[in-house]
Protein backbone atom coordinates (compact mmCIF):
# COMPACT_ATOMS: atom_id res chain seq x y z
CA MET A 1 23.63 -21.41 -16.82
CA ALA A 2 21.06 -18.62 -17.20
CA ASN A 3 18.65 -20.27 -14.74
CA GLU A 4 21.33 -19.88 -12.08
CA ASP A 5 21.08 -16.10 -12.49
CA PHE A 6 17.35 -16.31 -11.90
CA ALA A 7 17.88 -18.67 -8.95
CA ALA A 8 20.33 -16.24 -7.34
CA ALA A 9 17.88 -13.36 -7.75
CA LEU A 10 15.01 -15.47 -6.41
CA ASN A 11 17.12 -16.47 -3.39
CA LYS A 12 17.69 -12.77 -2.73
CA GLN A 13 13.93 -12.23 -2.92
CA ILE A 14 13.40 -15.01 -0.36
CA GLY A 15 15.39 -12.82 2.04
CA ASN A 16 13.31 -9.78 1.09
CA GLU A 17 10.09 -11.68 1.78
CA LEU A 18 11.38 -12.91 5.14
CA ASN A 19 12.42 -9.36 6.04
CA ALA A 20 8.90 -8.21 5.17
CA ALA A 21 7.44 -10.98 7.35
CA GLN A 22 9.56 -9.87 10.31
CA GLN A 23 8.62 -6.22 9.77
CA TYR A 24 4.93 -7.08 9.69
CA MET A 25 5.31 -9.15 12.84
CA ALA A 26 6.94 -6.19 14.59
CA ALA A 27 4.07 -3.93 13.48
CA ALA A 28 1.56 -6.50 14.75
CA VAL A 29 3.26 -6.67 18.13
CA TRP A 30 3.26 -2.86 18.35
CA TYR A 31 -0.49 -2.74 17.60
CA ASP A 32 -1.05 -5.55 20.11
CA ALA A 33 0.77 -3.52 22.78
CA GLU A 34 -1.50 -0.58 21.91
CA THR A 35 -4.56 -2.84 22.44
CA LEU A 36 -5.63 -2.57 18.82
CA PRO A 37 -6.44 -6.22 18.10
CA GLN A 38 -7.86 -5.79 14.60
CA LEU A 39 -4.78 -3.95 13.35
CA ALA A 40 -2.57 -6.45 15.18
CA GLY A 41 -4.42 -9.38 13.63
CA PHE A 42 -4.18 -7.85 10.17
CA PHE A 43 -0.40 -7.51 10.47
CA TYR A 44 0.03 -10.98 12.00
CA ARG A 45 -1.79 -12.38 8.95
CA GLN A 46 0.37 -10.26 6.65
CA ALA A 47 3.49 -11.63 8.34
CA LEU A 48 2.36 -15.20 7.68
CA GLU A 49 1.50 -14.31 4.09
CA GLU A 50 4.97 -12.89 3.45
CA ARG A 51 6.57 -15.95 5.04
CA ASN A 52 4.47 -18.14 2.75
CA HIS A 53 5.62 -16.10 -0.25
CA ALA A 54 9.20 -16.94 0.71
CA LEU A 55 8.26 -20.60 1.02
CA MET A 56 6.60 -20.55 -2.41
CA MET A 57 9.90 -19.34 -3.80
CA VAL A 58 11.76 -22.05 -1.90
CA GLN A 59 9.44 -24.69 -3.38
CA PHE A 60 9.96 -23.35 -6.89
CA LEU A 61 13.72 -23.58 -6.47
CA LEU A 62 13.41 -27.12 -5.12
CA ASP A 63 11.12 -28.08 -8.01
CA THR A 64 13.62 -26.73 -10.55
CA ASN A 65 16.66 -28.41 -8.96
CA GLU A 66 18.15 -25.15 -7.72
CA LYS A 67 19.42 -24.65 -4.19
CA PRO A 68 17.27 -22.46 -1.93
CA VAL A 69 19.18 -20.24 0.47
CA ILE A 70 17.55 -19.05 3.69
CA PRO A 71 19.35 -15.89 4.79
CA GLY A 72 19.40 -14.10 8.10
CA VAL A 73 17.15 -11.08 8.32
CA GLU A 74 17.62 -7.54 9.55
CA ALA A 75 16.05 -6.42 12.81
CA PRO A 76 12.72 -4.77 11.99
CA LYS A 77 11.59 -1.33 13.07
CA ALA A 78 9.64 -1.95 16.26
CA ASP A 79 8.62 1.49 17.55
CA PHE A 80 6.16 3.74 15.79
CA ALA A 81 4.94 7.29 16.42
CA ASP A 82 1.24 6.60 15.90
CA ILE A 83 -1.23 4.19 14.29
CA VAL A 84 -0.49 5.59 10.83
CA ALA A 85 3.27 4.95 10.81
CA PRO A 86 3.21 1.13 10.52
CA VAL A 87 0.70 1.23 7.67
CA ALA A 88 2.63 3.95 5.81
CA MET A 89 5.79 1.88 6.22
CA ALA A 90 3.93 -1.23 5.00
CA LEU A 91 2.65 0.54 1.90
CA GLU A 92 6.17 1.61 0.97
CA GLN A 93 7.37 -1.94 1.63
CA GLU A 94 4.67 -3.38 -0.66
CA LYS A 95 5.62 -0.93 -3.42
CA GLN A 96 9.26 -1.99 -3.02
CA VAL A 97 8.35 -5.68 -3.20
CA GLY A 98 6.33 -4.97 -6.34
CA ALA A 99 9.40 -3.40 -7.93
CA GLU A 100 11.52 -6.39 -6.83
CA ILE A 101 9.04 -8.83 -8.42
CA ASP A 102 9.09 -6.75 -11.62
CA ASP A 103 12.90 -6.97 -11.63
CA LEU A 104 12.72 -10.76 -11.22
CA PHE A 105 10.27 -10.95 -14.10
CA LYS A 106 12.65 -8.89 -16.28
CA ILE A 107 15.49 -11.30 -15.49
CA ALA A 108 13.34 -14.30 -16.43
CA ARG A 109 12.23 -12.62 -19.64
CA ASP A 110 15.74 -11.49 -20.59
CA ILE A 111 17.13 -15.02 -20.26
CA GLN A 112 13.98 -16.55 -21.79
CA TYR A 113 13.30 -18.59 -18.68
CA PHE A 114 9.63 -19.23 -19.32
CA GLN A 115 9.08 -21.31 -16.18
CA GLY A 116 10.34 -18.37 -14.12
CA GLU A 117 8.01 -15.97 -15.93
CA GLN A 118 5.06 -18.28 -15.38
CA PHE A 119 5.89 -18.68 -11.69
CA LEU A 120 6.05 -14.91 -11.17
CA GLN A 121 2.67 -14.18 -12.80
CA TRP A 122 0.83 -14.86 -9.54
CA PHE A 123 3.18 -12.60 -7.57
CA ILE A 124 2.58 -9.72 -10.00
CA LYS A 125 -1.18 -10.02 -9.46
CA GLU A 126 -0.66 -10.37 -5.70
CA GLN A 127 1.40 -7.17 -5.48
CA VAL A 128 -1.32 -5.15 -7.22
CA GLU A 129 -3.78 -6.41 -4.59
CA GLU A 130 -1.34 -5.78 -1.72
CA VAL A 131 -0.61 -2.19 -2.72
CA ALA A 132 -4.32 -1.47 -3.25
CA SER A 133 -5.40 -2.88 0.12
CA MET A 134 -2.54 -1.20 1.99
CA SER A 135 -3.36 2.11 0.28
CA ASP A 136 -6.97 1.79 1.42
CA LEU A 137 -5.91 0.94 4.95
CA LEU A 138 -3.56 3.93 5.03
CA THR A 139 -6.43 6.23 4.05
CA VAL A 140 -8.56 4.77 6.83
CA VAL A 141 -5.95 4.99 9.59
CA GLU A 142 -5.04 8.53 8.56
CA ARG A 143 -8.71 9.47 9.05
CA ALA A 144 -8.83 7.48 12.31
CA LYS A 145 -5.55 8.80 13.72
CA ASP A 146 -7.30 10.64 16.57
CA ASP A 147 -9.77 7.81 17.20
CA PRO A 148 -8.06 4.48 16.43
CA LEU A 149 -11.22 2.52 17.17
CA HIS A 150 -12.60 3.72 13.81
CA GLY A 151 -9.70 1.92 12.14
CA GLU A 152 -10.44 -1.15 14.23
CA GLU A 153 -14.09 -1.04 13.18
CA TYR A 154 -13.13 -0.76 9.52
CA LEU A 155 -10.88 -3.82 9.71
CA SER A 156 -13.52 -5.76 11.62
CA ARG A 157 -16.12 -4.94 9.01
CA GLU A 158 -14.07 -5.16 5.80
CA GLN A 159 -11.59 -7.99 6.55
CA ILE A 160 -9.08 -6.65 4.02
CA GLY A 161 -6.16 -8.88 3.29
CA ASP A 162 -8.10 -11.91 4.45
CA GLU A 163 -9.53 -13.34 1.25
CA GLY A 164 -8.61 -16.92 2.03
CA GLY A 165 -6.71 -19.34 -0.15
CA ASP A 166 -6.10 -18.60 -3.80
CA PRO A 167 -6.18 -21.81 -5.84
CA SER A 168 -3.89 -20.24 -8.44
CA ALA A 169 -1.17 -19.53 -5.84
CA PRO A 170 2.10 -21.45 -6.14
CA THR A 171 2.67 -24.24 -3.65
CA ALA A 172 4.63 -23.29 -0.53
CA ALA A 173 7.38 -25.54 0.77
CA GLY A 174 6.05 -27.42 3.77
CA GLY A 175 2.46 -26.66 2.77
CA GLU A 176 0.41 -23.79 4.17
CA VAL A 177 1.38 -24.01 7.83
């Protein structure tokens, strides 16, 4: 069945989202060890957000009578050269996830799986926001490389990536925990 092709691709994306969550957690821990609590907090929140994206995909599969698969994840990069490196890595990761979501959308469209297309609409919008906010943060930390507290101040003032709940977001398996 064509929906099984989409389900297999979505299960792969669950792994990608969980990998992203682990990578963001590793970046958060690195910033925490550097006593940069605003950057650490930002990446801890990003880790939870990516985990919730995976759980949204799990819930969609459950709702459509497909079997979710929770894979193991790769060990994340845990050491960084400076305050810029984790953000640069995160921006590239967000661009990659955007391409992966686009590929999922193409699969749904090609097999005329309209429920899959509808489900992915929110993720497309989310990736535009994620790339934009990570691009802004990269600009800030590049400027603040020699004085990381300027980056901390920016995050304290702007609260990027912390817009709260989106009522149009898909439901996550287990609720937002």
